[in-house]
Amino acid sequence: MLRRMNDGRAVYVSKEGNQMKKIILLMFAIMFFAGCSAEVSKVDYKQITTEEAIIMMAEESDYIILDVRTPEEYESGHIKDAINIPNDIIGDKEIAELPDKEQLIMIYCRSGNRSKQASEKLAELGYTNVVEFGGINTWTEEIVKE
């Protein structure tokens, strides 16, 4: 098959050559779109406000309040009925204090940074009902010391 080039030259192109170009282009297109559509695995947890957490605690019954601050911070004052598992301890191993991965876990720290980190780690461990509500510094309800 003769093909006329932009500069006026006539070039012979075989049908097999055109088919090969089409196959190569198709392969590149498939690889490109496969790469673009690859899902980035993002772990999920829910973020709510302190006010929403207070309402949720009043309405729900089977939940854990998780304080991820240091033991010293926890002892200086924490939300009533909260358990303390410092963020630094949460890693890639199972957590004995949190055996039910479907149970509602409401997480807080001092300002919200460590609670976000802990929420991500728990979601990566397979916990499916994680709710992060920031820090105790915005908590308006009772704080207890033990």
Protein backbone atom coordinates (compact mmCIF):
# COMPACT_ATOMS: atom_id res chain seq x y z
CA MET A 1 0.00 0.00 0.00
CA LEU A 2 1.37 3.38 -1.02
CA ARG A 3 1.06 6.24 1.41
CA ARG A 4 1.75 9.87 0.54
CA MET A 5 3.88 11.68 3.17
CA ASN A 6 3.53 15.38 4.09
CA ASP A 7 6.67 16.27 2.14
CA GLY A 8 5.21 14.70 -1.02
CA ARG A 9 7.15 11.45 -0.98
CA ALA A 10 5.34 8.19 -1.61
CA VAL A 11 6.18 5.41 0.84
CA TYR A 12 5.19 1.79 0.61
CA VAL A 13 3.60 0.50 3.84
CA SER A 14 2.61 -3.13 4.20
CA LYS A 15 -0.69 -4.14 5.76
CA GLU A 16 1.20 -6.19 8.35
CA GLY A 17 3.11 -3.05 9.40
CA ASN A 18 -0.15 -1.14 9.91
CA GLN A 19 -1.60 -4.01 11.92
CA MET A 20 1.54 -4.18 14.06
CA LYS A 21 1.32 -0.43 14.75
CA LYS A 22 -2.32 -0.80 15.71
CA ILE A 23 -1.51 -3.70 18.04
CA ILE A 24 1.30 -1.75 19.69
CA LEU A 25 -0.90 1.32 20.11
CA LEU A 26 -3.67 -0.84 21.53
CA MET A 27 -1.26 -2.45 24.01
CA PHE A 28 -0.01 0.96 25.17
CA ALA A 29 -3.58 2.20 25.54
CA ILE A 30 -4.54 -0.84 27.61
CA MET A 31 -1.50 -0.45 29.85
CA PHE A 32 -2.16 3.27 30.25
CA PHE A 33 -5.81 2.86 31.17
CA ALA A 34 -5.09 -0.11 33.42
CA GLY A 35 -2.57 2.02 35.30
CA CYS A 36 -4.96 4.96 35.54
CA SER A 37 -7.84 2.90 36.79
CA ALA A 38 -5.88 0.94 39.36
CA GLU A 39 -7.50 1.59 42.69
CA VAL A 40 -5.35 3.03 45.39
CA SER A 41 -6.23 1.14 48.50
CA LYS A 42 -7.42 3.75 50.94
CA VAL A 43 -8.43 2.64 54.36
CA ASP A 44 -11.70 3.97 55.62
CA TYR A 45 -12.72 5.46 58.92
CA LYS A 46 -15.26 8.12 59.68
CA GLN A 47 -14.42 11.57 61.02
CA ILE A 48 -17.00 13.40 63.10
CA THR A 49 -17.10 16.46 65.35
CA THR A 50 -17.01 16.36 69.12
CA GLU A 51 -20.67 17.35 69.18
CA GLU A 52 -21.57 14.46 66.87
CA ALA A 53 -19.56 12.10 69.09
CA ILE A 54 -21.51 13.20 72.18
CA ILE A 55 -24.80 12.53 70.37
CA MET A 56 -23.55 9.18 69.06
CA MET A 57 -22.49 8.10 72.55
CA ALA A 58 -25.95 8.96 73.85
CA GLU A 59 -27.69 7.01 71.08
CA GLU A 60 -25.42 3.95 70.74
CA SER A 61 -24.90 1.27 73.35
CA ASP A 62 -22.16 -1.14 72.25
CA TYR A 63 -19.06 0.95 71.60
CA ILE A 64 -15.55 1.50 72.86
CA ILE A 65 -14.12 4.95 73.55
CA LEU A 66 -10.42 4.74 72.75
CA ASP A 67 -7.95 7.30 74.08
CA VAL A 68 -4.70 7.04 72.09
CA ARG A 69 -2.67 9.50 74.16
CA THR A 70 0.19 8.46 76.43
CA PRO A 71 -0.63 6.79 79.78
CA GLU A 72 0.46 9.98 81.56
CA GLU A 73 -1.92 12.10 79.49
CA TYR A 74 -4.71 9.57 80.07
CA GLU A 75 -4.18 9.62 83.84
CA SER A 76 -4.29 13.42 83.90
CA GLY A 77 -7.90 13.27 82.67
CA HIS A 78 -9.90 11.30 80.11
CA ILE A 79 -13.42 10.77 78.83
CA LYS A 80 -15.50 8.60 81.14
CA ASP A 81 -15.31 4.87 80.29
CA ALA A 82 -12.47 5.37 77.79
CA ILE A 83 -9.72 2.78 77.52
CA ASN A 84 -6.13 3.77 76.84
CA ILE A 85 -4.09 2.26 74.03
CA PRO A 86 -1.37 4.72 73.03
CA ASN A 87 -1.06 5.43 69.31
CA ASP A 88 2.61 4.36 69.42
CA ILE A 89 1.56 0.85 70.46
CA ILE A 90 -0.92 0.39 67.61
CA GLY A 91 0.92 -1.24 64.74
CA ASP A 92 0.38 -4.20 62.49
CA LYS A 93 -0.45 -6.80 65.15
CA GLU A 94 -3.83 -7.78 66.60
CA ILE A 95 -4.94 -5.78 69.65
CA ALA A 96 -6.23 -7.94 72.50
CA GLU A 97 -8.28 -5.10 74.00
CA LEU A 98 -10.15 -4.71 70.69
CA PRO A 99 -11.22 -8.25 69.75
CA ASP A 100 -14.35 -7.37 67.73
CA LYS A 101 -13.33 -5.73 64.45
CA GLU A 102 -16.94 -4.75 63.70
CA GLN A 103 -17.60 -3.03 67.03
CA LEU A 104 -17.95 0.75 67.03
CA ILE A 105 -14.65 2.28 68.17
CA MET A 106 -14.67 6.02 68.89
CA ILE A 107 -11.15 7.43 68.96
CA TYR A 108 -9.70 10.63 70.36
CA CYS A 109 -6.36 12.05 71.49
CA ARG A 110 -5.35 15.54 72.62
CA SER A 111 -5.83 17.56 69.44
CA GLY A 112 -6.77 15.10 66.68
CA ASN A 113 -3.45 14.22 65.05
CA ARG A 114 -2.71 10.93 66.85
CA SER A 115 -6.36 9.88 66.68
CA LYS A 116 -6.27 10.19 62.88
CA GLN A 117 -3.08 8.12 62.74
CA ALA A 118 -4.56 5.48 65.03
CA SER A 119 -7.79 5.39 63.02
CA GLU A 120 -5.86 4.74 59.82
CA LYS A 121 -3.85 1.97 61.46
CA LEU A 122 -6.94 0.30 62.91
CA ALA A 123 -8.69 0.45 59.53
CA GLU A 124 -5.60 -1.15 57.95
CA LEU A 125 -5.85 -3.92 60.58
CA GLY A 126 -9.39 -4.62 59.40
CA TYR A 127 -11.52 -2.70 61.89
CA THR A 128 -14.64 -1.68 60.02
CA ASN A 129 -16.46 0.68 62.37
CA VAL A 130 -13.84 3.27 63.37
CA VAL A 131 -14.96 6.82 64.17
CA GLU A 132 -12.42 9.55 64.90
CA PHE A 133 -13.63 12.66 66.71
CA GLY A 134 -10.54 14.74 67.31
CA GLY A 135 -9.13 15.77 70.63
CA ILE A 136 -10.05 16.01 74.27
CA ASN A 137 -9.17 19.70 74.16
CA THR A 138 -12.57 20.32 72.50
CA TRP A 139 -14.51 17.91 74.72
CA THR A 140 -17.33 19.68 76.58
CA GLU A 141 -18.59 16.79 78.71
CA GLU A 142 -17.25 15.13 81.84
CA ILE A 143 -13.55 14.35 82.16
CA VAL A 144 -12.48 11.88 84.83
CA LYS A 145 -9.19 11.14 86.56
CA GLU A 146 -8.31 7.71 87.88
